[in-house]
C-alpha cells in the first residue's frame, strides 16, 4: 500500500455499528461537535491535555484548518470518531516522525454514552493498522495516566507492550502528570492487524 495524502477516511463494522474515522468538517460538524464537547466535559476533563503556557485558543474553524494543514504535511492524522454517522469522540495520531524513526503517538477520547461497548479499542486498532499498512510507520505509542482505568483497558485489550512510567510527562488538567507508555511495532502485529487481534 502507498501513503494516501490527507484527508483520509477509514472505517468498518464493529458490534453491530458502523465505526468511522474521518476529518471534521468546518461547517457541517460545528454544532454537533460543540454539543458533544460540552456533554463530555466532566467525563473527559480529568484526562484532557492542557497548555502550561496559556495562549489564546483557536476558533473551531481555525483549529480544523491548522489540523488539516498538519495532516497534509504528514505530521498529524486528526480524525473524529463517528458511530453510525453520529460524532462520538476523537482519535488523533500526532507527533509523526519520519526518517530513521517512522513513529507516532495516538491519543483518543469517546463520549460517555458510547463507552463500554468496545468502540474505542476498535477505533484505535483501525488507526494503528492504517499507520502500519498505509502510512508505513514502524512504531506507535500510547501514553496513559496510571489513574485512567478506562484508557488502560483499551491498551490491555489491544495487547500493547507496557514500557514503564514517564515522570511528569504531559501537562493534563492543569498539572504535569506521570504517564505509562504502551507501544507496538509493525513487526509485532500479524497479518490480520490489530483489528484481527481484537476480533479473534
N, C-alpha and C. Protein backbone atom coordinates (compact mmCIF):
# COMPACT_ATOMS: atom_id res chain seq x y z
N UNK A 1 0.84 -1.20 0.00
CA UNK A 1 0.00 0.00 0.00
C UNK A 1 0.87 1.25 0.00
N UNK A 2 0.42 2.27 -0.67
CA UNK A 2 1.15 3.53 -0.67
C UNK A 2 0.40 4.54 0.19
N UNK A 3 1.16 5.51 0.69
CA UNK A 3 0.57 6.52 1.58
C UNK A 3 -0.47 7.34 0.84
N UNK A 4 -1.63 7.51 1.49
CA UNK A 4 -2.68 8.37 0.95
C UNK A 4 -2.60 9.73 1.63
N UNK A 5 -2.56 10.80 0.86
CA UNK A 5 -2.48 12.12 1.50
C UNK A 5 -3.78 12.48 2.22
N UNK A 6 -3.63 13.32 3.24
CA UNK A 6 -4.79 13.82 3.98
C UNK A 6 -5.64 14.66 3.04
N UNK A 7 -6.99 14.60 3.12
CA UNK A 7 -7.81 13.92 4.12
C UNK A 7 -8.02 12.43 3.82
N UNK A 8 -8.10 11.65 4.88
CA UNK A 8 -8.28 10.20 4.79
C UNK A 8 -9.43 9.78 5.69
N UNK A 9 -10.29 8.91 5.20
CA UNK A 9 -11.38 8.34 5.99
C UNK A 9 -11.22 6.82 5.99
N UNK A 10 -11.32 6.21 7.17
CA UNK A 10 -11.28 4.75 7.28
C UNK A 10 -12.44 4.32 8.18
N UNK A 11 -12.81 3.05 8.08
CA UNK A 11 -13.91 2.59 8.92
C UNK A 11 -14.19 1.13 8.74
N UNK A 12 -15.19 0.66 9.49
CA UNK A 12 -15.59 -0.73 9.41
C UNK A 12 -16.72 -1.02 10.38
N UNK A 13 -17.23 -2.23 10.31
CA UNK A 13 -18.32 -2.66 11.19
C UNK A 13 -17.73 -3.17 12.50
N UNK A 14 -18.43 -2.85 13.60
CA UNK A 14 -18.00 -3.36 14.90
C UNK A 14 -19.19 -3.43 15.84
N UNK A 15 -19.45 -4.62 16.38
CA UNK A 15 -20.51 -4.80 17.37
C UNK A 15 -21.88 -4.33 16.90
N UNK A 16 -22.17 -4.51 15.63
CA UNK A 16 -23.47 -4.10 15.10
C UNK A 16 -23.56 -2.65 14.71
N UNK A 17 -22.46 -1.91 14.83
CA UNK A 17 -22.44 -0.49 14.46
C UNK A 17 -21.39 -0.26 13.38
N UNK A 18 -21.51 0.87 12.72
CA UNK A 18 -20.51 1.31 11.75
C UNK A 18 -19.62 2.35 12.41
N UNK A 19 -18.34 2.04 12.53
CA UNK A 19 -17.36 2.96 13.11
C UNK A 19 -16.58 3.59 11.98
N UNK A 20 -16.40 4.90 12.07
CA UNK A 20 -15.64 5.59 11.03
C UNK A 20 -14.72 6.62 11.66
N UNK A 21 -13.54 6.75 11.11
CA UNK A 21 -12.60 7.81 11.45
C UNK A 21 -12.48 8.70 10.23
N UNK A 22 -12.85 9.97 10.40
CA UNK A 22 -12.87 10.89 9.26
C UNK A 22 -12.48 12.29 9.72
N UNK A 23 -12.18 13.20 8.79
CA UNK A 23 -11.90 14.58 9.18
C UNK A 23 -13.16 15.29 9.67
N UNK A 24 -12.97 16.24 10.56
CA UNK A 24 -14.07 17.13 10.95
C UNK A 24 -14.35 18.10 9.81
N UNK A 25 -15.63 18.42 9.61
CA UNK A 25 -15.99 19.39 8.59
C UNK A 25 -16.14 20.77 9.24
N UNK A 26 -15.59 21.83 8.65
CA UNK A 26 -15.61 23.15 9.30
C UNK A 26 -17.00 23.76 9.46
N UNK A 27 -17.98 23.30 8.69
CA UNK A 27 -19.33 23.85 8.82
C UNK A 27 -20.33 22.80 9.31
N UNK A 28 -20.42 21.68 8.60
CA UNK A 28 -21.47 20.71 8.90
C UNK A 28 -21.39 20.12 10.29
N UNK A 29 -20.17 19.96 10.85
CA UNK A 29 -20.00 19.30 12.14
C UNK A 29 -19.99 20.26 13.33
N UNK A 30 -19.98 21.55 13.06
CA UNK A 30 -19.70 22.51 14.13
C UNK A 30 -20.69 22.40 15.29
N UNK A 31 -21.98 22.40 15.02
CA UNK A 31 -22.97 22.37 16.10
C UNK A 31 -22.92 21.07 16.88
N UNK A 32 -22.89 19.94 16.16
CA UNK A 32 -22.87 18.64 16.83
C UNK A 32 -21.57 18.46 17.63
N UNK A 33 -20.46 18.94 17.08
CA UNK A 33 -19.18 18.83 17.77
C UNK A 33 -19.18 19.63 19.07
N UNK A 34 -19.67 20.87 19.00
CA UNK A 34 -19.74 21.70 20.20
C UNK A 34 -20.61 21.07 21.28
N UNK A 35 -21.74 20.50 20.87
CA UNK A 35 -22.64 19.85 21.84
C UNK A 35 -21.97 18.63 22.47
N UNK A 36 -21.24 17.86 21.66
CA UNK A 36 -20.57 16.67 22.18
C UNK A 36 -19.48 17.04 23.18
N UNK A 37 -18.72 18.09 22.89
CA UNK A 37 -17.67 18.52 23.80
C UNK A 37 -18.26 19.03 25.12
N UNK A 38 -19.35 19.77 25.03
CA UNK A 38 -19.99 20.25 26.27
C UNK A 38 -20.53 19.08 27.08
N UNK A 39 -21.16 18.15 26.42
CA UNK A 39 -21.71 16.97 27.09
C UNK A 39 -20.62 16.15 27.76
N UNK A 40 -19.43 16.12 27.16
CA UNK A 40 -18.35 15.25 27.62
C UNK A 40 -17.38 15.93 28.57
N UNK A 41 -17.59 17.20 28.90
CA UNK A 41 -16.58 17.96 29.65
C UNK A 41 -16.24 17.33 31.00
N UNK A 42 -17.24 16.89 31.74
CA UNK A 42 -16.97 16.28 33.05
C UNK A 42 -16.31 14.91 32.90
N UNK A 43 -16.70 14.18 31.86
CA UNK A 43 -16.20 12.83 31.61
C UNK A 43 -14.74 12.84 31.16
N UNK A 44 -14.38 13.79 30.27
CA UNK A 44 -13.02 13.82 29.73
C UNK A 44 -12.10 14.80 30.44
N UNK A 45 -12.67 15.74 31.19
CA UNK A 45 -11.89 16.82 31.81
C UNK A 45 -10.66 16.37 32.57
N UNK A 46 -10.75 15.33 33.42
CA UNK A 46 -9.56 14.92 34.19
C UNK A 46 -8.42 14.41 33.32
N UNK A 47 -8.70 14.11 32.05
CA UNK A 47 -7.68 13.50 31.18
C UNK A 47 -7.30 14.40 30.01
N UNK A 48 -7.91 15.57 29.90
CA UNK A 48 -7.65 16.45 28.77
C UNK A 48 -6.29 17.13 28.90
N UNK A 49 -5.55 17.17 27.79
CA UNK A 49 -4.26 17.87 27.80
C UNK A 49 -4.49 19.37 27.90
N UNK A 50 -3.52 20.05 28.52
CA UNK A 50 -3.59 21.50 28.70
C UNK A 50 -2.24 22.11 28.35
N UNK A 51 -2.25 23.40 28.10
CA UNK A 51 -1.01 24.11 27.76
C UNK A 51 -0.50 24.82 29.01
N UNK A 52 0.73 24.49 29.45
CA UNK A 52 1.25 25.14 30.66
C UNK A 52 1.52 26.63 30.48
N UNK A 53 1.56 27.07 29.23
CA UNK A 53 1.77 28.49 28.93
C UNK A 53 0.54 29.00 28.19
N UNK A 54 -0.48 29.42 28.94
CA UNK A 54 -1.78 29.77 28.34
C UNK A 54 -1.65 30.75 27.19
N UNK A 55 -2.43 30.46 26.15
CA UNK A 55 -2.47 31.34 24.99
C UNK A 55 -3.90 31.37 24.47
N UNK A 56 -4.14 32.28 23.56
CA UNK A 56 -5.49 32.41 23.01
C UNK A 56 -5.87 31.14 22.26
N UNK A 57 -7.03 30.58 22.59
CA UNK A 57 -7.49 29.36 21.93
C UNK A 57 -7.90 29.66 20.49
N UNK A 58 -7.61 28.70 19.60
CA UNK A 58 -8.05 28.83 18.22
C UNK A 58 -9.55 28.64 18.12
N UNK A 59 -10.18 29.33 17.20
CA UNK A 59 -11.60 29.09 16.94
C UNK A 59 -11.76 27.70 16.34
N UNK A 60 -12.99 27.21 16.31
CA UNK A 60 -13.28 25.89 15.75
C UNK A 60 -12.75 25.78 14.32
N UNK A 61 -13.07 26.75 13.48
CA UNK A 61 -12.65 26.68 12.08
C UNK A 61 -11.14 26.81 11.92
N UNK A 62 -10.50 27.68 12.72
CA UNK A 62 -9.05 27.82 12.63
C UNK A 62 -8.34 26.57 13.13
N UNK A 63 -8.92 25.93 14.16
CA UNK A 63 -8.32 24.68 14.67
C UNK A 63 -8.37 23.60 13.60
N UNK A 64 -9.50 23.49 12.90
CA UNK A 64 -9.61 22.49 11.83
C UNK A 64 -8.64 22.81 10.70
N UNK A 65 -8.54 24.09 10.33
CA UNK A 65 -7.61 24.49 9.27
C UNK A 65 -6.17 24.14 9.64
N UNK A 66 -5.80 24.39 10.92
CA UNK A 66 -4.45 24.06 11.38
C UNK A 66 -4.23 22.55 11.33
N UNK A 67 -5.20 21.78 11.82
CA UNK A 67 -5.06 20.33 11.84
C UNK A 67 -4.99 19.76 10.42
N UNK A 68 -5.80 20.29 9.52
CA UNK A 68 -5.76 19.82 8.13
C UNK A 68 -4.41 20.11 7.49
N UNK A 69 -3.84 21.28 7.80
CA UNK A 69 -2.52 21.63 7.26
C UNK A 69 -1.45 20.67 7.79
N UNK A 70 -1.54 20.34 9.08
CA UNK A 70 -0.60 19.38 9.66
C UNK A 70 -0.81 17.99 9.06
N UNK A 71 -2.07 17.65 8.76
CA UNK A 71 -2.36 16.37 8.11
C UNK A 71 -1.75 16.30 6.72
N UNK A 72 -1.90 17.36 5.96
CA UNK A 72 -1.32 17.38 4.61
C UNK A 72 0.20 17.33 4.65
N UNK A 73 0.78 17.88 5.73
CA UNK A 73 2.24 17.85 5.88
C UNK A 73 2.73 16.49 6.37
N UNK A 74 1.81 15.59 6.73
CA UNK A 74 2.20 14.25 7.17
C UNK A 74 2.60 14.15 8.62
N UNK A 75 2.29 15.19 9.42
CA UNK A 75 2.67 15.18 10.84
C UNK A 75 1.53 14.80 11.77
N UNK A 76 0.32 14.69 11.25
CA UNK A 76 -0.87 14.51 12.10
C UNK A 76 -1.96 13.81 11.30
N UNK A 77 -2.70 12.93 11.99
CA UNK A 77 -3.92 12.35 11.44
C UNK A 77 -5.05 12.73 12.41
N UNK A 78 -5.73 13.85 12.18
CA UNK A 78 -6.70 14.37 13.15
C UNK A 78 -8.13 13.89 12.89
N UNK A 79 -8.42 12.65 13.26
CA UNK A 79 -9.73 12.08 12.97
C UNK A 79 -10.76 12.40 14.05
N UNK A 80 -12.00 12.55 13.62
CA UNK A 80 -13.13 12.48 14.52
C UNK A 80 -13.69 11.07 14.41
N UNK A 81 -14.16 10.53 15.51
CA UNK A 81 -14.75 9.19 15.55
C UNK A 81 -16.26 9.30 15.44
N UNK A 82 -16.85 8.57 14.49
CA UNK A 82 -18.30 8.53 14.39
C UNK A 82 -18.79 7.11 14.60
N UNK A 83 -19.98 6.99 15.17
CA UNK A 83 -20.65 5.70 15.36
C UNK A 83 -22.01 5.81 14.69
N UNK A 84 -22.22 5.01 13.67
CA UNK A 84 -23.46 5.06 12.89
C UNK A 84 -23.77 6.48 12.43
N UNK A 85 -22.72 7.18 12.02
CA UNK A 85 -22.88 8.51 11.46
C UNK A 85 -22.94 9.64 12.45
N UNK A 86 -22.95 9.35 13.74
CA UNK A 86 -23.01 10.40 14.77
C UNK A 86 -21.63 10.61 15.39
N UNK A 87 -21.28 11.87 15.65
CA UNK A 87 -20.00 12.16 16.29
C UNK A 87 -19.96 11.53 17.68
N UNK A 88 -18.85 10.84 17.98
CA UNK A 88 -18.76 10.12 19.24
C UNK A 88 -17.46 10.38 20.00
N UNK A 89 -16.46 10.95 19.35
CA UNK A 89 -15.19 11.17 20.03
C UNK A 89 -14.11 11.54 19.03
N UNK A 90 -12.90 11.17 19.34
CA UNK A 90 -11.76 11.61 18.55
C UNK A 90 -10.62 10.60 18.67
N UNK A 91 -9.90 10.42 17.57
CA UNK A 91 -8.66 9.65 17.57
C UNK A 91 -7.65 10.45 16.76
N UNK A 92 -6.57 10.86 17.39
CA UNK A 92 -5.51 11.61 16.71
C UNK A 92 -4.22 10.80 16.73
N UNK A 93 -3.57 10.73 15.58
CA UNK A 93 -2.20 10.24 15.53
C UNK A 93 -1.34 11.48 15.35
N UNK A 94 -0.50 11.78 16.34
CA UNK A 94 0.27 13.02 16.32
C UNK A 94 1.75 12.74 16.54
N UNK A 95 2.54 13.80 16.49
CA UNK A 95 4.00 13.67 16.62
C UNK A 95 4.54 12.61 15.67
N UNK A 96 4.03 12.59 14.45
CA UNK A 96 4.52 11.63 13.45
C UNK A 96 5.91 12.06 12.99
N UNK A 97 6.84 11.14 13.11
CA UNK A 97 8.23 11.39 12.74
C UNK A 97 8.63 10.40 11.66
N UNK A 98 9.23 10.90 10.61
CA UNK A 98 9.68 10.03 9.51
C UNK A 98 11.17 9.74 9.68
N UNK A 99 11.87 9.53 8.60
CA UNK A 99 13.29 9.24 8.69
C UNK A 99 13.57 7.92 9.36
N UNK A 100 14.58 7.89 10.21
CA UNK A 100 15.01 6.65 10.85
C UNK A 100 14.00 6.14 11.87
N UNK A 101 13.13 7.01 12.39
CA UNK A 101 12.21 6.60 13.46
C UNK A 101 10.91 6.00 12.94
N UNK A 102 10.25 6.68 12.02
CA UNK A 102 8.97 6.21 11.46
C UNK A 102 7.99 5.83 12.58
N UNK A 103 7.68 6.80 13.42
CA UNK A 103 6.81 6.53 14.56
C UNK A 103 5.80 7.63 14.79
N UNK A 104 4.88 7.36 15.69
CA UNK A 104 3.86 8.34 16.06
C UNK A 104 3.21 7.96 17.37
N UNK A 105 2.36 8.85 17.86
CA UNK A 105 1.66 8.67 19.13
C UNK A 105 0.17 8.82 18.90
N UNK A 106 -0.62 8.01 19.59
CA UNK A 106 -2.08 8.09 19.45
C UNK A 106 -2.70 8.61 20.74
N UNK A 107 -3.63 9.53 20.58
CA UNK A 107 -4.48 10.00 21.68
C UNK A 107 -5.93 9.81 21.28
N UNK A 108 -6.81 9.61 22.25
CA UNK A 108 -8.20 9.32 21.92
C UNK A 108 -9.11 9.67 23.10
N UNK A 109 -10.36 9.90 22.79
CA UNK A 109 -11.40 10.01 23.81
C UNK A 109 -12.73 9.65 23.16
N UNK A 110 -13.69 9.24 23.98
CA UNK A 110 -15.02 8.90 23.48
C UNK A 110 -16.05 9.41 24.48
N UNK A 111 -17.20 9.84 23.98
CA UNK A 111 -18.28 10.32 24.85
C UNK A 111 -18.75 9.19 25.77
N UNK A 112 -19.17 9.55 26.96
CA UNK A 112 -19.54 8.55 27.96
C UNK A 112 -20.64 7.62 27.48
N UNK A 113 -21.59 8.15 26.68
CA UNK A 113 -22.72 7.31 26.25
C UNK A 113 -22.30 6.21 25.28
N UNK A 114 -21.09 6.32 24.73
CA UNK A 114 -20.59 5.27 23.83
C UNK A 114 -19.57 4.37 24.51
N UNK A 115 -19.21 4.67 25.74
CA UNK A 115 -18.17 3.91 26.44
C UNK A 115 -18.68 2.52 26.82
N UNK A 116 -17.74 1.58 26.97
CA UNK A 116 -18.08 0.24 27.43
C UNK A 116 -18.60 -0.69 26.37
N UNK A 117 -18.54 -0.27 25.10
CA UNK A 117 -19.05 -1.11 24.01
C UNK A 117 -17.94 -1.64 23.11
N UNK A 118 -16.69 -1.41 23.51
CA UNK A 118 -15.57 -1.88 22.70
C UNK A 118 -15.28 -1.01 21.49
N UNK A 119 -15.92 0.16 21.41
CA UNK A 119 -15.75 1.03 20.24
C UNK A 119 -14.36 1.66 20.23
N UNK A 120 -13.90 2.14 21.39
CA UNK A 120 -12.60 2.80 21.42
C UNK A 120 -11.46 1.86 21.03
N UNK A 121 -11.35 0.65 21.60
CA UNK A 121 -10.29 -0.25 21.15
C UNK A 121 -10.36 -0.54 19.65
N UNK A 122 -11.57 -0.71 19.13
CA UNK A 122 -11.72 -0.99 17.71
C UNK A 122 -11.25 0.18 16.86
N UNK A 123 -11.63 1.40 17.26
CA UNK A 123 -11.23 2.59 16.51
C UNK A 123 -9.72 2.79 16.55
N UNK A 124 -9.12 2.59 17.74
CA UNK A 124 -7.67 2.74 17.86
C UNK A 124 -6.96 1.65 17.05
N UNK A 125 -7.50 0.44 17.06
CA UNK A 125 -6.91 -0.64 16.25
C UNK A 125 -6.95 -0.29 14.77
N UNK A 126 -8.07 0.27 14.30
CA UNK A 126 -8.17 0.69 12.90
C UNK A 126 -7.11 1.74 12.57
N UNK A 127 -6.93 2.69 13.50
CA UNK A 127 -5.95 3.75 13.28
C UNK A 127 -4.54 3.18 13.21
N UNK A 128 -4.20 2.27 14.12
CA UNK A 128 -2.86 1.68 14.12
C UNK A 128 -2.63 0.85 12.88
N UNK A 129 -3.62 0.06 12.48
CA UNK A 129 -3.48 -0.74 11.25
C UNK A 129 -3.25 0.17 10.04
N UNK A 130 -3.95 1.30 10.00
CA UNK A 130 -3.74 2.26 8.92
C UNK A 130 -2.32 2.82 8.95
N UNK A 131 -1.84 3.13 10.15
CA UNK A 131 -0.48 3.68 10.28
C UNK A 131 0.57 2.69 9.81
N UNK A 132 0.41 1.42 10.16
CA UNK A 132 1.39 0.42 9.76
C UNK A 132 1.25 0.04 8.28
N UNK A 133 0.01 -0.04 7.80
CA UNK A 133 -0.20 -0.50 6.43
C UNK A 133 -0.04 0.58 5.39
N UNK A 134 -0.73 1.70 5.58
CA UNK A 134 -0.77 2.76 4.57
C UNK A 134 0.32 3.81 4.82
N UNK A 135 0.43 4.25 6.07
CA UNK A 135 1.44 5.27 6.39
C UNK A 135 2.85 4.69 6.48
N UNK A 136 2.93 3.38 6.60
CA UNK A 136 4.22 2.66 6.66
C UNK A 136 5.07 3.10 7.85
N UNK A 137 4.40 3.39 8.97
CA UNK A 137 5.12 3.68 10.20
C UNK A 137 5.61 2.37 10.81
N UNK A 138 6.59 2.48 11.69
CA UNK A 138 7.18 1.30 12.33
C UNK A 138 6.71 1.13 13.77
N UNK A 139 6.48 2.25 14.48
CA UNK A 139 6.17 2.16 15.91
C UNK A 139 5.09 3.17 16.28
N UNK A 140 4.13 2.72 17.08
CA UNK A 140 3.08 3.58 17.61
C UNK A 140 3.07 3.45 19.13
N UNK A 141 2.96 4.57 19.82
CA UNK A 141 2.86 4.51 21.27
C UNK A 141 1.60 5.23 21.75
N UNK A 142 1.15 4.84 22.93
CA UNK A 142 0.02 5.46 23.61
C UNK A 142 0.45 5.73 25.04
N UNK A 143 0.23 6.96 25.50
CA UNK A 143 0.61 7.34 26.85
C UNK A 143 -0.64 7.54 27.70
N UNK A 144 -0.69 6.86 28.84
CA UNK A 144 -1.90 6.82 29.66
C UNK A 144 -1.56 7.17 31.10
N UNK A 145 -2.36 8.04 31.70
CA UNK A 145 -2.17 8.30 33.13
C UNK A 145 -2.46 7.03 33.92
N UNK A 146 -1.65 6.71 34.93
CA UNK A 146 -1.85 5.47 35.68
C UNK A 146 -3.22 5.37 36.34
N UNK A 147 -3.89 6.52 36.57
CA UNK A 147 -5.20 6.53 37.22
C UNK A 147 -6.35 6.33 36.22
N UNK A 148 -6.06 6.39 34.94
CA UNK A 148 -7.11 6.35 33.92
C UNK A 148 -7.46 4.90 33.59
N UNK A 149 -8.32 4.32 34.42
CA UNK A 149 -8.64 2.90 34.31
C UNK A 149 -9.26 2.56 32.96
N UNK A 150 -10.16 3.42 32.47
CA UNK A 150 -10.82 3.13 31.19
C UNK A 150 -9.83 3.07 30.04
N UNK A 151 -8.88 4.01 30.02
CA UNK A 151 -7.89 4.02 28.95
C UNK A 151 -6.90 2.86 29.08
N UNK A 152 -6.60 2.46 30.30
CA UNK A 152 -5.73 1.30 30.50
C UNK A 152 -6.38 0.03 29.95
N UNK A 153 -7.72 -0.04 30.04
CA UNK A 153 -8.42 -1.20 29.46
C UNK A 153 -8.25 -1.24 27.95
N UNK A 154 -8.21 -0.09 27.32
CA UNK A 154 -8.05 -0.03 25.87
C UNK A 154 -6.72 -0.66 25.46
N UNK A 155 -5.61 -0.22 26.06
CA UNK A 155 -4.31 -0.75 25.66
C UNK A 155 -4.17 -2.22 26.06
N UNK A 156 -4.85 -2.61 27.15
CA UNK A 156 -4.82 -4.02 27.54
C UNK A 156 -5.51 -4.89 26.49
N UNK A 157 -6.69 -4.43 26.02
CA UNK A 157 -7.41 -5.20 25.00
C UNK A 157 -6.62 -5.29 23.71
N UNK A 158 -5.85 -4.26 23.41
CA UNK A 158 -5.06 -4.25 22.18
C UNK A 158 -3.77 -5.03 22.31
N UNK A 159 -3.40 -5.37 23.54
CA UNK A 159 -2.19 -6.16 23.75
C UNK A 159 -0.90 -5.39 23.54
N UNK A 160 -0.94 -4.07 23.82
CA UNK A 160 0.27 -3.26 23.65
C UNK A 160 1.25 -3.50 24.79
N UNK A 161 2.51 -3.36 24.48
CA UNK A 161 3.59 -3.60 25.43
C UNK A 161 3.74 -2.43 26.40
N UNK A 162 3.81 -2.72 27.70
CA UNK A 162 3.99 -1.70 28.73
C UNK A 162 5.48 -1.39 28.83
N UNK A 163 5.85 -0.12 28.54
CA UNK A 163 7.26 0.27 28.56
C UNK A 163 7.64 1.05 29.81
N UNK A 164 6.71 1.16 30.76
CA UNK A 164 7.05 1.80 32.02
C UNK A 164 6.51 3.21 32.15
N UNK A 165 6.89 3.86 33.27
CA UNK A 165 6.34 5.17 33.63
C UNK A 165 7.30 6.28 33.21
N UNK A 166 6.73 7.34 32.65
CA UNK A 166 7.46 8.57 32.36
C UNK A 166 7.01 9.62 33.36
N UNK A 167 7.93 10.13 34.13
CA UNK A 167 7.61 11.09 35.19
C UNK A 167 7.31 12.47 34.60
N UNK A 168 6.23 13.09 35.11
CA UNK A 168 5.85 14.45 34.70
C UNK A 168 5.89 14.59 33.18
N UNK A 169 5.27 13.65 32.49
CA UNK A 169 5.45 13.53 31.05
C UNK A 169 4.59 14.52 30.25
N UNK A 170 3.32 14.68 30.65
CA UNK A 170 2.42 15.56 29.90
C UNK A 170 1.64 16.46 30.85
N UNK A 171 1.29 17.63 30.35
CA UNK A 171 0.50 18.59 31.12
C UNK A 171 -0.97 18.27 30.90
N UNK A 172 -1.62 17.78 31.96
CA UNK A 172 -3.00 17.32 31.89
C UNK A 172 -3.81 18.00 32.99
N UNK A 173 -4.96 18.54 32.61
CA UNK A 173 -5.87 19.17 33.59
C UNK A 173 -5.12 20.14 34.50
N UNK A 174 -4.18 20.87 33.92
CA UNK A 174 -3.52 21.94 34.66
C UNK A 174 -2.27 21.59 35.42
N UNK A 175 -1.80 20.33 35.37
CA UNK A 175 -0.59 19.94 36.09
C UNK A 175 0.23 18.95 35.26
N UNK A 176 1.54 18.90 35.55
CA UNK A 176 2.39 17.90 34.92
C UNK A 176 2.10 16.54 35.55
N UNK A 177 1.82 15.56 34.72
CA UNK A 177 1.37 14.25 35.22
C UNK A 177 2.27 13.12 34.71
N UNK A 178 2.43 12.09 35.56
CA UNK A 178 3.10 10.87 35.14
C UNK A 178 2.21 10.12 34.15
N UNK A 179 2.85 9.39 33.24
CA UNK A 179 2.14 8.56 32.29
C UNK A 179 2.86 7.22 32.13
N UNK A 180 2.08 6.18 31.87
CA UNK A 180 2.64 4.90 31.45
C UNK A 180 2.63 4.86 29.93
N UNK A 181 3.73 4.42 29.36
CA UNK A 181 3.85 4.34 27.91
C UNK A 181 3.65 2.91 27.44
N UNK A 182 2.76 2.76 26.47
CA UNK A 182 2.49 1.47 25.84
C UNK A 182 2.83 1.60 24.36
N UNK A 183 3.39 0.56 23.78
CA UNK A 183 3.83 0.66 22.39
C UNK A 183 3.64 -0.65 21.65
N UNK A 184 3.64 -0.53 20.32
CA UNK A 184 3.60 -1.69 19.45
C UNK A 184 4.35 -1.33 18.18
N UNK A 185 5.05 -2.30 17.62
CA UNK A 185 5.75 -2.09 16.36
C UNK A 185 5.09 -2.92 15.27
N UNK A 186 5.33 -2.52 14.03
CA UNK A 186 4.69 -3.19 12.90
C UNK A 186 5.02 -4.68 12.86
N UNK A 187 6.25 -5.05 13.24
CA UNK A 187 6.63 -6.46 13.18
C UNK A 187 6.02 -7.29 14.31
N UNK A 188 5.38 -6.63 15.30
CA UNK A 188 4.70 -7.36 16.37
C UNK A 188 3.25 -7.69 16.02
N UNK A 189 2.75 -7.08 14.95
CA UNK A 189 1.35 -7.26 14.56
C UNK A 189 1.29 -8.25 13.40
N UNK A 190 0.44 -9.25 13.53
CA UNK A 190 0.32 -10.26 12.48
C UNK A 190 -0.37 -9.74 11.24
N UNK A 191 -0.57 -10.64 10.29
CA UNK A 191 -1.17 -10.27 9.01
C UNK A 191 -2.58 -9.70 9.16
N UNK A 192 -3.30 -10.15 10.19
CA UNK A 192 -4.67 -9.68 10.39
C UNK A 192 -4.75 -8.32 11.05
N UNK A 193 -3.61 -7.76 11.48
CA UNK A 193 -3.60 -6.46 12.12
C UNK A 193 -4.21 -6.50 13.52
N UNK A 194 -4.26 -5.33 14.13
CA UNK A 194 -4.85 -5.25 15.48
C UNK A 194 -6.34 -5.45 15.46
N UNK A 195 -7.02 -5.07 14.38
CA UNK A 195 -8.46 -5.32 14.28
C UNK A 195 -8.70 -6.82 14.30
N UNK A 196 -7.86 -7.56 13.56
CA UNK A 196 -7.97 -9.02 13.57
C UNK A 196 -7.70 -9.61 14.94
N UNK A 197 -6.73 -9.01 15.68
CA UNK A 197 -6.42 -9.49 17.03
C UNK A 197 -7.60 -9.28 17.96
N UNK A 198 -8.28 -8.14 17.82
CA UNK A 198 -9.45 -7.87 18.65
C UNK A 198 -10.60 -8.81 18.32
N UNK A 199 -10.74 -9.11 17.05
CA UNK A 199 -11.87 -9.93 16.60
C UNK A 199 -11.68 -11.40 16.89
N UNK A 200 -10.40 -11.81 17.08
CA UNK A 200 -10.09 -13.23 17.23
C UNK A 200 -10.45 -13.80 18.58
